[in-house]
């Protein structure tokens, strides 16, 4: 991993400015020598001097993410947030209450309003260029919605997918979830479990499946993040591991991702993770179902094929008739994932009714219409972590405490006991054994449990253990008690898994959560000392918690 800023700690105004800059500077940085007209237009649009724009382009080429363009990252540019909080509050209030109005006041009028408010409070008013930079950082769609209404904003900035032509590969990707119409069985006893959830992504220009994620868990920000991870990464090695010899060229960073308004798409980690990497995250307007038409038709196509599998629930009770979906179920989640990969590659090779050619051929044509190759994450492990939930924690003398669990690494001694500093801590709900700590200098560190003998546990297991301790009237932050309860619960589930379907679900979900994390461990992380065999690793556990 490489050095980076704490994107979740940046205030909204500074972050919006960096995102606005990234969209413009990315185009300039992709060219060996942008022409003079483009360069001068960028200076005007961003309100920057030429020398300053050169600095930002250089910074972006070295680290092609939005956070490299934050005011504090490169020099001291015009508009950097060094004003007193009282003046910042006046500016924000004037923009929200005065500038974003149907009267469409000018920046000069905004300046007069800010001066009036500052005079009432006995504050020194900011200069005109500061206000200009604040206005330039406002999302154009948001500003137009405030001044002209949401409908006008949608028509101008979010064209309807049925009325315009998406030409380029990964120009627009749509993502949605569906409950798969088949019941899967567990890996150990091969007895019925449940219907799994599928998060599916489609490239609109070519109709190629961009990526997917199959899980036993309900839709969450984590399942969206893993689907995005899959659509961005190359598919060759993964297909080879499944023994599939097929062409699936979809990879790279999409320009825009269209999603619906479900809460899992609206987490801060999701929004800022996308913006950090230059991905525009657009939400389906309420009452505009056409925005998800392509992904919904793809889901219908995939489910039609699923109905031929053993254990299918079909699309309705009427269609199912007397078919015993539970009794006929036979495929594990792994086998269903393998089948889906085969089905998708078959779909790619068949003639698409709307396009007239196979999606793989349409992809090649759509890719050829791009002005530049698709971008790829310059830091793949950092890309994955950017979409995970995070919080801030102080480093105590004995390490970092999170969820009542203690973490330690020698590197933490640099900040131990510092009462004036909190560090950004990112965690994966599927495995709490390792957290990722962002140091003040911008470097991420993988930090494990202080006691390396502790087994990997999920956040859901931890929460269940705390609930049990609460019922027993015991301390919630006693680490030994937490792990003792988890071991006790795993043993109970293991004993019950043969008898009950619910216990098998808990067991399967926990095992898959921990297995999934292992597949994404950082290649450049320091080796972890080998411990004695972790007998709890293979024990059944509990479901992974849904978070958003």
Protein backbone atom coordinates (compact mmCIF):
# COMPACT_ATOMS: atom_id res chain seq x y z
CA UNK A 1 0.00 0.00 0.00
CA UNK A 2 1.04 3.60 -0.55
CA UNK A 3 0.74 6.81 1.42
CA UNK A 4 -2.65 8.51 1.35
CA UNK A 5 -4.80 11.08 3.16
CA UNK A 6 -7.61 10.27 5.59
CA UNK A 7 -10.49 10.86 3.18
CA UNK A 8 -13.13 10.29 5.86
CA UNK A 9 -11.78 13.06 8.10
CA UNK A 10 -11.80 15.80 5.43
CA UNK A 11 -14.58 18.36 5.85
CA UNK A 12 -17.29 18.33 3.19
CA UNK A 13 -16.37 21.66 1.59
CA UNK A 14 -12.70 20.75 1.11
CA UNK A 15 -13.63 17.29 -0.16
CA UNK A 16 -16.14 18.64 -2.68
CA UNK A 17 -13.47 21.00 -4.00
CA UNK A 18 -11.00 18.12 -4.42
CA UNK A 19 -13.61 15.99 -6.23
CA UNK A 20 -14.47 18.87 -8.57
CA UNK A 21 -10.77 19.34 -9.34
CA UNK A 22 -10.23 15.62 -9.94
CA UNK A 23 -12.83 15.47 -12.71
CA UNK A 24 -11.06 18.27 -14.63
CA UNK A 25 -7.44 17.43 -13.85
CA UNK A 26 -7.88 13.74 -14.69
CA UNK A 27 -8.57 14.66 -18.32
CA UNK A 28 -5.55 16.97 -18.49
CA UNK A 29 -3.24 14.45 -16.80
CA UNK A 30 -4.21 11.71 -19.27
CA UNK A 31 -2.74 13.69 -22.16
CA UNK A 32 0.96 14.02 -22.92
CA UNK A 33 0.50 17.71 -23.69
CA UNK A 34 -2.97 19.29 -23.26
CA UNK A 35 -3.59 22.08 -25.72
CA UNK A 36 -3.51 25.69 -24.57
CA UNK A 37 -7.26 26.23 -24.91
CA UNK A 38 -8.06 23.21 -22.69
CA UNK A 39 -5.53 24.31 -20.10
CA UNK A 40 -6.78 27.89 -19.90
CA UNK A 41 -10.39 26.71 -19.71
CA UNK A 42 -9.45 24.45 -16.77
CA UNK A 43 -7.83 27.45 -15.05
CA UNK A 44 -11.03 29.43 -15.47
CA UNK A 45 -13.34 26.60 -14.43
CA UNK A 46 -11.34 25.84 -11.28
CA UNK A 47 -10.40 29.44 -10.48
CA UNK A 48 -6.68 28.62 -10.46
CA UNK A 49 -3.55 30.32 -11.70
CA UNK A 50 -1.57 28.46 -14.35
CA UNK A 51 1.33 27.74 -11.99
CA UNK A 52 -1.05 26.30 -9.43
CA UNK A 53 -2.76 24.08 -11.99
CA UNK A 54 0.64 22.72 -13.08
CA UNK A 55 1.34 21.83 -9.43
CA UNK A 56 -1.95 19.97 -9.11
CA UNK A 57 -1.46 18.05 -12.35
CA UNK A 58 1.97 16.95 -11.16
CA UNK A 59 0.55 15.85 -7.80
CA UNK A 60 -2.26 13.92 -9.50
CA UNK A 61 0.11 12.10 -11.85
CA UNK A 62 2.14 10.95 -8.84
CA UNK A 63 -0.98 9.80 -6.96
CA UNK A 64 -4.07 9.66 -9.23
CA UNK A 65 -6.80 9.98 -6.60
CA UNK A 66 -8.97 12.89 -5.46
CA UNK A 67 -7.23 13.22 -2.09
CA UNK A 68 -3.98 14.22 -3.83
CA UNK A 69 -5.77 17.46 -4.80
CA UNK A 70 -6.85 18.47 -1.31
CA UNK A 71 -5.79 22.00 -0.42
CA UNK A 72 -3.49 20.84 2.38
CA UNK A 73 -1.80 18.25 0.17
CA UNK A 74 -0.12 20.60 -2.31
CA UNK A 75 1.10 24.03 -1.25
CA UNK A 76 -1.32 26.66 0.05
CA UNK A 77 -3.75 27.29 -2.78
CA UNK A 78 -6.44 29.86 -3.09
CA UNK A 79 -9.50 28.72 -1.16
CA UNK A 80 -7.64 26.50 1.33
CA UNK A 81 -9.67 26.15 4.54
CA UNK A 82 -7.67 28.30 6.94
CA UNK A 83 -10.44 30.71 7.89
CA UNK A 84 -11.83 30.76 11.45
CA UNK A 85 -14.72 28.38 12.05
CA UNK A 86 -17.08 31.34 12.65
CA UNK A 87 -16.40 32.75 9.17
CA UNK A 88 -16.68 29.30 7.58
CA UNK A 89 -20.09 28.94 9.23
CA UNK A 90 -21.18 32.31 7.80
CA UNK A 91 -20.04 31.34 4.28
CA UNK A 92 -21.76 27.93 4.43
CA UNK A 93 -24.96 29.48 5.76
CA UNK A 94 -25.02 32.19 3.09
CA UNK A 95 -24.47 29.67 0.30
CA UNK A 96 -27.19 27.31 1.54
CA UNK A 97 -29.78 29.95 2.45
CA UNK A 98 -29.03 32.72 -0.07
CA UNK A 99 -26.97 31.53 -3.06
CA UNK A 100 -28.87 28.25 -3.53
CA UNK A 101 -32.19 29.99 -4.14
CA UNK A 102 -34.64 30.42 -6.98
CA UNK A 103 -33.49 34.04 -7.41
CA UNK A 104 -30.10 32.76 -8.65
CA UNK A 105 -27.97 35.51 -7.06
CA UNK A 106 -24.50 36.18 -8.48
CA UNK A 107 -21.22 35.73 -6.62
CA UNK A 108 -21.09 39.52 -6.19
CA UNK A 109 -24.50 39.40 -4.52
CA UNK A 110 -23.28 36.50 -2.37
CA UNK A 111 -20.29 38.59 -1.30
CA UNK A 112 -22.59 41.42 -0.17
CA UNK A 113 -24.72 38.95 1.80
CA UNK A 114 -21.64 37.45 3.47
CA UNK A 115 -20.37 40.94 4.35
CA UNK A 116 -23.73 41.78 5.91
CA UNK A 117 -23.72 38.62 8.03
CA UNK A 118 -20.10 39.13 9.08
CA UNK A 119 -20.84 42.74 10.06
CA UNK A 120 -23.69 41.59 12.30
CA UNK A 121 -21.30 39.22 14.08
CA UNK A 122 -18.32 41.55 14.23
CA UNK A 123 -16.27 39.34 11.88
CA UNK A 124 -13.86 40.28 9.12
CA UNK A 125 -15.46 39.26 5.79
CA UNK A 126 -13.60 36.90 3.41
CA UNK A 127 -12.39 38.06 0.00
CA UNK A 128 -14.26 37.56 -3.28
CA UNK A 129 -11.89 34.82 -4.54
CA UNK A 130 -12.58 32.73 -1.43
CA UNK A 131 -16.30 32.84 -2.16
CA UNK A 132 -15.66 32.06 -5.82
CA UNK A 133 -13.73 28.92 -4.84
CA UNK A 134 -16.49 27.82 -2.46
CA UNK A 135 -19.07 28.22 -5.22
CA UNK A 136 -16.87 26.35 -7.72
CA UNK A 137 -16.78 23.37 -5.35
CA UNK A 138 -20.59 22.98 -5.36
CA UNK A 139 -21.89 20.01 -7.32
CA UNK A 140 -23.55 21.50 -10.47
CA UNK A 141 -26.46 19.07 -10.27
CA UNK A 142 -27.06 19.96 -6.62
CA UNK A 143 -26.91 23.71 -7.36
CA UNK A 144 -29.31 23.43 -10.29
CA UNK A 145 -31.73 21.37 -8.22
CA UNK A 146 -31.79 24.12 -5.58
CA UNK A 147 -32.18 26.93 -8.12
CA UNK A 148 -34.40 25.37 -10.78
CA UNK A 149 -35.86 22.24 -9.23
CA UNK A 150 -35.00 18.55 -9.14
CA UNK A 151 -36.69 17.80 -12.47
CA UNK A 152 -34.63 20.38 -14.37
CA UNK A 153 -31.46 19.12 -12.70
CA UNK A 154 -32.18 15.53 -13.71
CA UNK A 155 -32.87 16.52 -17.30
CA UNK A 156 -29.64 18.50 -17.51
CA UNK A 157 -27.19 16.41 -15.50
CA UNK A 158 -28.69 12.90 -15.36
CA UNK A 159 -30.03 12.00 -18.80
CA UNK A 160 -32.49 9.13 -19.07
CA UNK A 161 -30.84 5.91 -20.18
CA UNK A 162 -33.48 5.28 -22.80
CA UNK A 163 -33.01 8.65 -24.52
CA UNK A 164 -29.27 8.86 -25.00
CA UNK A 165 -26.63 6.53 -26.30
CA UNK A 166 -23.94 5.22 -23.96
CA UNK A 167 -21.03 4.76 -26.34
CA UNK A 168 -17.96 3.83 -24.29
CA UNK A 169 -17.08 0.74 -22.31
CA UNK A 170 -17.48 1.43 -18.56
CA UNK A 171 -18.99 4.84 -19.29
CA UNK A 172 -21.96 3.72 -17.15
CA UNK A 173 -22.21 0.63 -14.94
CA UNK A 174 -25.45 -0.31 -13.18
CA UNK A 175 -25.49 -2.31 -9.93
CA UNK A 176 -28.41 -3.99 -8.16
CA UNK A 177 -29.23 -6.93 -5.88
CA UNK A 178 -31.58 -9.86 -6.23
CA UNK A 179 -32.55 -12.85 -4.13
CA UNK A 180 -31.55 -15.84 -6.28
CA UNK A 181 -34.39 -18.20 -7.19
CA UNK A 182 -32.68 -21.34 -5.91
CA UNK A 183 -31.99 -22.92 -2.51
CA UNK A 184 -28.37 -23.87 -1.81
CA UNK A 185 -27.02 -26.54 0.54
CA UNK A 186 -24.19 -26.31 3.07
CA UNK A 187 -20.69 -27.55 2.29
CA UNK A 188 -20.40 -30.01 5.19
CA UNK A 189 -23.71 -31.86 5.39
CA UNK A 190 -25.13 -30.85 1.99
CA UNK A 191 -28.46 -30.05 3.57
CA UNK A 192 -30.73 -27.13 2.55
CA UNK A 193 -29.77 -23.65 3.74
CA UNK A 194 -31.52 -20.74 2.04
CA UNK A 195 -31.76 -18.63 -1.11
CA UNK A 196 -28.54 -16.63 -1.57
CA UNK A 197 -28.23 -12.97 -2.57
CA UNK A 198 -26.61 -11.87 -5.82
CA UNK A 199 -25.15 -8.40 -6.38
CA UNK A 200 -24.79 -7.94 -10.13
CA UNK A 201 -23.17 -5.20 -12.26
CA UNK A 202 -23.65 -4.54 -15.99
CA UNK A 203 -21.77 -2.34 -18.46
CA UNK A 204 -24.55 -0.44 -20.21
CA UNK A 205 -22.71 0.20 -23.49
CA UNK A 206 -21.92 -3.46 -24.21
CA UNK A 207 -24.41 -5.28 -21.92
CA UNK A 208 -21.42 -7.26 -20.62
CA UNK A 209 -21.61 -8.40 -17.01
CA UNK A 210 -19.05 -6.19 -15.28
CA UNK A 211 -18.86 -8.25 -12.08
CA UNK A 212 -20.89 -9.95 -9.36
CA UNK A 213 -20.84 -11.05 -5.74
CA UNK A 214 -22.77 -14.04 -4.37
CA UNK A 215 -23.41 -14.35 -0.63
CA UNK A 216 -25.71 -15.76 2.02
CA UNK A 217 -25.97 -12.32 3.65
CA UNK A 218 -28.65 -9.70 2.94
CA UNK A 219 -27.55 -6.74 0.79
CA UNK A 220 -25.07 -4.47 2.57
CA UNK A 221 -22.39 -1.92 1.84
CA UNK A 222 -19.90 -4.77 2.08
CA UNK A 223 -21.56 -6.78 -0.70
CA UNK A 224 -21.62 -3.65 -2.89
CA UNK A 225 -17.94 -3.02 -2.17
CA UNK A 226 -17.01 -6.59 -3.11
CA UNK A 227 -19.04 -6.41 -6.32
CA UNK A 228 -17.18 -3.20 -7.22
CA UNK A 229 -13.90 -4.96 -6.38
CA UNK A 230 -14.85 -7.75 -8.80
CA UNK A 231 -15.88 -5.46 -11.65
CA UNK A 232 -12.62 -3.51 -11.37
CA UNK A 233 -10.19 -6.43 -11.18
CA UNK A 234 -9.01 -8.60 -14.12
CA UNK A 235 -11.01 -11.83 -14.41
CA UNK A 236 -8.38 -14.08 -16.03
CA UNK A 237 -6.80 -15.57 -12.88
CA UNK A 238 -10.19 -16.04 -11.22
CA UNK A 239 -11.61 -17.82 -14.29
CA UNK A 240 -8.50 -19.98 -14.51
CA UNK A 241 -8.93 -21.01 -10.85
CA UNK A 242 -12.43 -22.21 -11.77
CA UNK A 243 -11.15 -24.10 -14.80
CA UNK A 244 -13.05 -21.83 -17.21
CA UNK A 245 -11.41 -21.02 -20.53
CA UNK A 246 -13.33 -17.94 -21.71
CA UNK A 247 -12.81 -14.29 -22.51
CA UNK A 248 -14.18 -11.83 -19.94
CA UNK A 249 -12.35 -8.54 -20.64
CA UNK A 250 -14.37 -6.25 -18.32
CA UNK A 251 -11.97 -4.60 -15.86
CA UNK A 252 -10.88 -1.15 -14.75
CA UNK A 253 -12.44 1.87 -13.04
CA UNK A 254 -15.86 2.82 -14.43
CA UNK A 255 -16.70 6.46 -15.07
CA UNK A 256 -20.15 6.30 -13.47
CA UNK A 257 -21.98 3.76 -11.32
CA UNK A 258 -25.79 3.92 -11.24
CA UNK A 259 -27.44 2.49 -8.11
CA UNK A 260 -30.83 2.69 -6.47
CA UNK A 261 -31.61 4.50 -3.21
CA UNK A 262 -31.10 1.57 -0.83
CA UNK A 263 -29.16 2.42 2.33
CA UNK A 264 -26.22 0.14 1.46
CA UNK A 265 -25.38 2.45 -1.46
CA UNK A 266 -25.39 5.58 0.69
CA UNK A 267 -22.70 4.90 3.31
CA UNK A 268 -19.96 7.50 3.67
CA UNK A 269 -17.30 4.88 2.93
CA UNK A 270 -19.08 3.99 -0.31
CA UNK A 271 -19.52 7.58 -1.47
CA UNK A 272 -16.03 8.82 -0.63
CA UNK A 273 -14.39 5.60 -1.77
CA UNK A 274 -15.94 6.06 -5.21
CA UNK A 275 -15.10 9.78 -5.38
CA UNK A 276 -11.52 9.15 -4.28
CA UNK A 277 -10.99 7.03 -7.38
CA UNK A 278 -12.80 9.32 -9.79
CA UNK A 279 -16.01 7.27 -9.95
CA UNK A 280 -19.27 9.20 -10.11
CA UNK A 281 -21.89 7.53 -7.91
CA UNK A 282 -25.38 8.41 -9.19
CA UNK A 283 -28.61 7.42 -7.47
CA UNK A 284 -31.79 6.44 -9.24
CA UNK A 285 -34.31 9.30 -8.93
CA UNK A 286 -37.47 8.32 -7.11
CA UNK A 287 -40.18 7.60 -9.64
CA UNK A 288 -37.70 6.97 -12.47
CA UNK A 289 -37.55 3.16 -12.86
CA UNK A 290 -35.98 3.45 -16.33
CA UNK A 291 -32.68 4.26 -14.63
CA UNK A 292 -32.24 0.60 -13.72
CA UNK A 293 -33.68 -0.97 -16.84
CA UNK A 294 -30.53 -2.67 -18.12
CA UNK A 295 -29.55 -4.30 -14.84
CA UNK A 296 -33.13 -5.43 -14.19
CA UNK A 297 -33.34 -7.11 -17.59
CA UNK A 298 -30.00 -8.83 -16.96
CA UNK A 299 -31.24 -10.08 -13.59
CA UNK A 300 -34.33 -11.45 -15.35
CA UNK A 301 -32.13 -13.24 -17.88
CA UNK A 302 -29.95 -14.79 -15.18
CA UNK A 303 -32.92 -15.89 -13.06
CA UNK A 304 -34.55 -17.48 -16.10
CA UNK A 305 -31.49 -19.70 -16.42
CA UNK A 306 -31.47 -20.41 -12.67
CA UNK A 307 -34.98 -21.85 -12.91
CA UNK A 308 -33.49 -24.91 -14.61
CA UNK A 309 -31.32 -25.75 -11.58
CA UNK A 310 -32.20 -28.30 -8.88
CA UNK A 311 -33.73 -26.53 -5.88
CA UNK A 312 -35.16 -23.67 -7.94
CA UNK A 313 -37.93 -21.69 -6.26
CA UNK A 314 -39.01 -20.25 -9.63
CA UNK A 315 -40.32 -16.69 -9.81
CA UNK A 316 -43.65 -17.31 -8.06
CA UNK A 317 -45.62 -19.87 -6.07
CA UNK A 318 -47.81 -20.42 -9.13
CA UNK A 319 -44.81 -21.20 -11.33
CA UNK A 320 -43.35 -23.53 -8.70
CA UNK A 321 -46.52 -25.61 -8.41
CA UNK A 322 -45.86 -28.87 -6.54
CA UNK A 323 -42.09 -28.75 -7.08
CA UNK A 324 -40.22 -29.45 -3.81
CA UNK A 325 -37.53 -26.73 -3.90
CA UNK A 326 -36.09 -27.65 -0.50
CA UNK A 327 -36.07 -31.37 -1.11
CA UNK A 328 -34.53 -31.01 -4.57
CA UNK A 329 -31.79 -28.56 -3.53
CA UNK A 330 -28.33 -29.92 -4.32
CA UNK A 331 -25.83 -27.12 -5.10
CA UNK A 332 -23.52 -25.42 -2.60
CA UNK A 333 -22.85 -21.70 -2.82
CA UNK A 334 -19.43 -22.42 -4.38
CA UNK A 335 -21.01 -24.62 -7.03
CA UNK A 336 -23.65 -21.99 -7.76
CA UNK A 337 -20.93 -19.34 -8.13
CA UNK A 338 -19.06 -21.60 -10.56
CA UNK A 339 -22.28 -22.21 -12.51
CA UNK A 340 -22.98 -18.46 -12.64
CA UNK A 341 -19.50 -17.78 -14.00
CA UNK A 342 -20.11 -20.34 -16.76
CA UNK A 343 -23.58 -18.96 -17.48
CA UNK A 344 -22.23 -15.41 -17.71
CA UNK A 345 -19.45 -16.36 -20.13
CA UNK A 346 -22.04 -18.20 -22.24
CA UNK A 347 -24.27 -15.11 -22.19
CA UNK A 348 -21.30 -13.00 -23.32
CA UNK A 349 -20.76 -15.21 -26.37
CA UNK A 350 -24.39 -15.34 -27.57
CA UNK A 351 -26.04 -12.78 -29.82
CA UNK A 352 -27.76 -10.09 -27.77
CA UNK A 353 -31.27 -9.38 -29.02
CA UNK A 354 -31.06 -5.58 -28.62
CA UNK A 355 -27.47 -5.17 -29.81
CA UNK A 356 -27.53 -7.69 -32.64
CA UNK A 357 -24.06 -8.94 -31.65
CA UNK A 358 -22.65 -10.81 -28.62
CA UNK A 359 -21.79 -8.66 -25.56
CA UNK A 360 -18.10 -9.60 -25.84
CA UNK A 361 -18.02 -8.19 -29.39
CA UNK A 362 -19.98 -5.14 -28.24
CA UNK A 363 -17.40 -4.62 -25.48
CA UNK A 364 -14.54 -4.62 -27.97
CA UNK A 365 -16.35 -2.04 -30.09
CA UNK A 366 -17.29 0.11 -27.08
CA UNK A 367 -13.74 -0.06 -25.76
CA UNK A 368 -12.45 1.09 -29.15
CA UNK A 369 -14.58 4.23 -28.83
CA UNK A 370 -12.77 5.32 -25.68
CA UNK A 371 -10.39 8.27 -25.94
CA UNK A 372 -8.01 6.61 -23.46
CA UNK A 373 -7.56 3.16 -21.88
CA UNK A 374 -9.58 2.42 -18.77
CA UNK A 375 -7.92 3.51 -15.56
CA UNK A 376 -6.93 0.94 -12.94
CA UNK A 377 -6.41 1.43 -9.20
CA UNK A 378 -2.84 2.51 -8.65
CA UNK A 379 -3.02 0.90 -5.19
CA UNK A 380 -5.28 -2.21 -5.40
CA UNK A 381 -5.18 -3.03 -1.68
CA UNK A 382 -5.86 0.57 -0.75
CA UNK A 383 -8.76 0.56 -3.21
CA UNK A 384 -10.36 -2.34 -1.35
CA UNK A 385 -9.88 -0.75 2.06
CA UNK A 386 -11.28 2.60 0.94
CA UNK A 387 -14.77 1.04 0.76
CA UNK A 388 -14.70 -0.52 4.26
CA UNK A 389 -16.20 1.12 7.39
CA UNK A 390 -13.90 3.09 9.66
CA UNK A 391 -13.74 5.06 12.88
CA UNK A 392 -11.19 7.08 14.86
CA UNK A 393 -9.32 5.73 17.86
CA UNK A 394 -6.60 7.00 20.16
CA UNK A 395 -3.53 4.78 20.63
CA UNK A 396 -3.33 3.91 24.31
CA UNK A 397 -0.16 2.71 25.95
CA UNK A 398 -1.33 -0.88 25.50
CA UNK A 399 -2.54 -0.42 21.91
CA UNK A 400 -5.79 0.36 20.10
CA UNK A 401 -9.13 -0.68 21.59
CA UNK A 402 -11.99 -1.38 19.17
CA UNK A 403 -15.22 -3.21 20.04
CA UNK A 404 -13.66 -4.06 23.40
CA UNK A 405 -10.82 -5.91 21.65
CA UNK A 406 -7.16 -4.91 21.90
CA UNK A 407 -4.81 -4.55 18.93
CA UNK A 408 -1.06 -4.03 18.95
CA UNK A 409 1.89 -3.67 16.62
CA UNK A 410 5.29 -2.20 17.42
CA UNK A 411 4.65 0.66 15.01
CA UNK A 412 1.91 1.92 17.34
CA UNK A 413 4.54 2.80 19.95
CA UNK A 414 5.23 5.95 17.89
CA UNK A 415 1.82 7.36 18.89
CA UNK A 416 1.06 5.48 22.13
CA UNK A 417 -0.30 7.65 24.91
CA UNK A 418 -0.73 10.75 22.73
CA UNK A 419 -3.93 12.29 24.08
CA UNK A 420 -4.03 14.92 21.33
CA UNK A 421 -4.16 12.55 18.34
CA UNK A 422 -6.64 10.00 17.05
CA UNK A 423 -5.90 7.74 14.10
CA UNK A 424 -8.24 6.46 11.39
CA UNK A 425 -9.00 2.76 11.96
CA UNK A 426 -10.62 0.72 9.16
CA UNK A 427 -12.06 -2.76 9.74
CA UNK A 428 -13.64 -5.58 7.77
CA UNK A 429 -16.84 -6.87 9.45
CA UNK A 430 -16.05 -10.36 8.14
CA UNK A 431 -12.84 -10.65 10.16
CA UNK A 432 -11.96 -8.50 13.18
CA UNK A 433 -8.56 -10.16 13.71
CA UNK A 434 -6.86 -7.41 11.67
CA UNK A 435 -7.54 -3.69 11.44
CA UNK A 436 -5.92 -1.10 9.18
CA UNK A 437 -4.49 1.97 10.90
CA UNK A 438 -3.73 5.15 8.96
CA UNK A 439 -0.67 6.88 10.42
CA UNK A 440 -0.33 10.68 10.53
CA UNK A 441 2.15 10.53 7.65
CA UNK A 442 -0.44 8.85 5.39
CA UNK A 443 0.78 5.24 5.53
CA UNK A 444 -1.55 2.36 6.35
CA UNK A 445 -0.53 -0.39 8.75
CA UNK A 446 -2.16 -3.80 9.21
CA UNK A 447 -2.48 -4.36 12.97
CA UNK A 448 -3.57 -7.68 14.48
CA UNK A 449 -5.02 -8.73 17.81
CA UNK A 450 -2.54 -8.03 20.61
CA UNK A 451 -2.86 -11.70 21.54
CA UNK A 452 -1.99 -13.53 18.32
CA UNK A 453 -3.47 -16.74 19.73
CA UNK A 454 -6.96 -15.29 19.34
CA UNK A 455 -8.99 -16.80 16.47
CA UNK A 456 -10.51 -14.75 13.68
CA UNK A 457 -14.06 -13.66 14.50
CA UNK A 458 -16.78 -11.74 12.66
CA UNK A 459 -18.42 -8.56 13.89
CA UNK A 460 -21.74 -10.42 14.17
CA UNK A 461 -20.19 -13.06 16.44
CA UNK A 462 -18.73 -10.32 18.59
CA UNK A 463 -22.08 -8.53 18.90
CA UNK A 464 -23.83 -11.77 19.82
CA UNK A 465 -21.22 -12.49 22.48
CA UNK A 466 -21.68 -9.03 23.98
CA UNK A 467 -25.45 -9.53 24.05
CA UNK A 468 -24.99 -12.79 25.95
CA UNK A 469 -22.61 -11.14 28.43
CA UNK A 470 -25.10 -8.31 28.92
CA UNK A 471 -27.81 -10.85 29.74
CA UNK A 472 -25.47 -12.50 32.23
CA UNK A 473 -24.60 -9.15 33.82
CA UNK A 474 -20.92 -9.48 32.94
CA UNK A 475 -18.47 -6.84 31.72
CA UNK A 476 -18.88 -6.11 28.01
CA UNK A 477 -15.24 -5.19 27.38
CA UNK A 478 -13.59 -8.19 29.02
CA UNK A 479 -11.71 -9.68 26.06
CA UNK A 480 -11.23 -13.10 27.66
CA UNK A 481 -14.95 -13.37 28.36
CA UNK A 482 -15.85 -12.30 24.82
CA UNK A 483 -13.73 -15.03 23.24
CA UNK A 484 -14.87 -17.62 25.79
CA UNK A 485 -18.50 -16.92 24.91
CA UNK A 486 -17.76 -17.08 21.17
CA UNK A 487 -16.04 -20.46 21.62
CA UNK A 488 -18.99 -21.70 23.66
CA UNK A 489 -21.46 -20.54 21.01
CA UNK A 490 -19.45 -22.09 18.18
CA UNK A 491 -19.45 -25.44 19.96
CA UNK A 492 -23.22 -25.27 20.40
CA UNK A 493 -23.77 -24.40 16.75
CA UNK A 494 -21.40 -27.16 15.67
CA UNK A 495 -23.38 -29.70 17.67
CA UNK A 496 -26.70 -28.41 16.39
CA UNK A 497 -25.74 -27.96 12.75
CA UNK A 498 -26.64 -31.51 11.77
CA UNK A 499 -30.08 -31.12 13.32
CA UNK A 500 -31.21 -27.59 12.46
CA UNK A 501 -31.23 -25.53 9.30
CA UNK A 502 -30.75 -22.27 11.26
CA UNK A 503 -27.53 -23.52 12.84
CA UNK A 504 -26.20 -24.63 9.46
CA UNK A 505 -26.83 -21.10 8.16
CA UNK A 506 -24.81 -19.59 11.00
CA UNK A 507 -22.00 -22.06 10.42
CA UNK A 508 -21.86 -21.53 6.67
CA UNK A 509 -22.02 -17.74 6.89
CA UNK A 510 -19.21 -17.49 9.41
CA UNK A 511 -16.91 -19.86 7.52
CA UNK A 512 -17.50 -18.08 4.22
CA UNK A 513 -16.92 -14.65 5.75
CA UNK A 514 -13.49 -15.61 7.04
CA UNK A 515 -12.61 -17.51 3.86
CA UNK A 516 -13.54 -14.47 1.78
CA UNK A 517 -11.27 -12.12 3.71
CA UNK A 518 -8.31 -14.39 3.16
CA UNK A 519 -8.70 -14.05 -0.60
CA UNK A 520 -8.08 -10.31 -0.42
CA UNK A 521 -5.10 -10.08 1.95
CA UNK A 522 -2.52 -7.47 0.94
CA UNK A 523 0.36 -8.85 -1.08
CA UNK A 524 2.78 -6.32 0.38
CA UNK A 525 1.81 -6.78 4.03
CA UNK A 526 4.38 -8.02 6.50
CA UNK A 527 4.31 -11.79 7.15
CA UNK A 528 2.40 -12.82 10.25
CA UNK A 529 4.21 -15.13 12.70
CA UNK A 530 2.97 -18.69 12.37
CA UNK A 531 1.03 -19.90 15.37
CA UNK A 532 -0.10 -23.34 16.38
CA UNK A 533 -3.05 -24.67 14.44
CA UNK A 534 -6.13 -22.53 14.97
CA UNK A 535 -8.74 -25.14 15.81
CA UNK A 536 -11.48 -22.52 16.03
CA UNK A 537 -10.94 -21.33 12.47
CA UNK A 538 -12.87 -24.28 11.08
CA UNK A 539 -15.59 -24.19 13.72
CA UNK A 540 -19.05 -22.96 12.75
CA UNK A 541 -20.02 -19.46 13.81
CA UNK A 542 -22.66 -16.84 13.23
CA UNK A 543 -23.95 -14.71 10.42
CA UNK A 544 -22.02 -11.66 9.29
CA UNK A 545 -23.67 -8.44 10.39
CA UNK A 546 -25.26 -6.21 7.76
CA UNK A 547 -23.82 -2.69 7.88
CA UNK A 548 -24.20 0.33 5.71
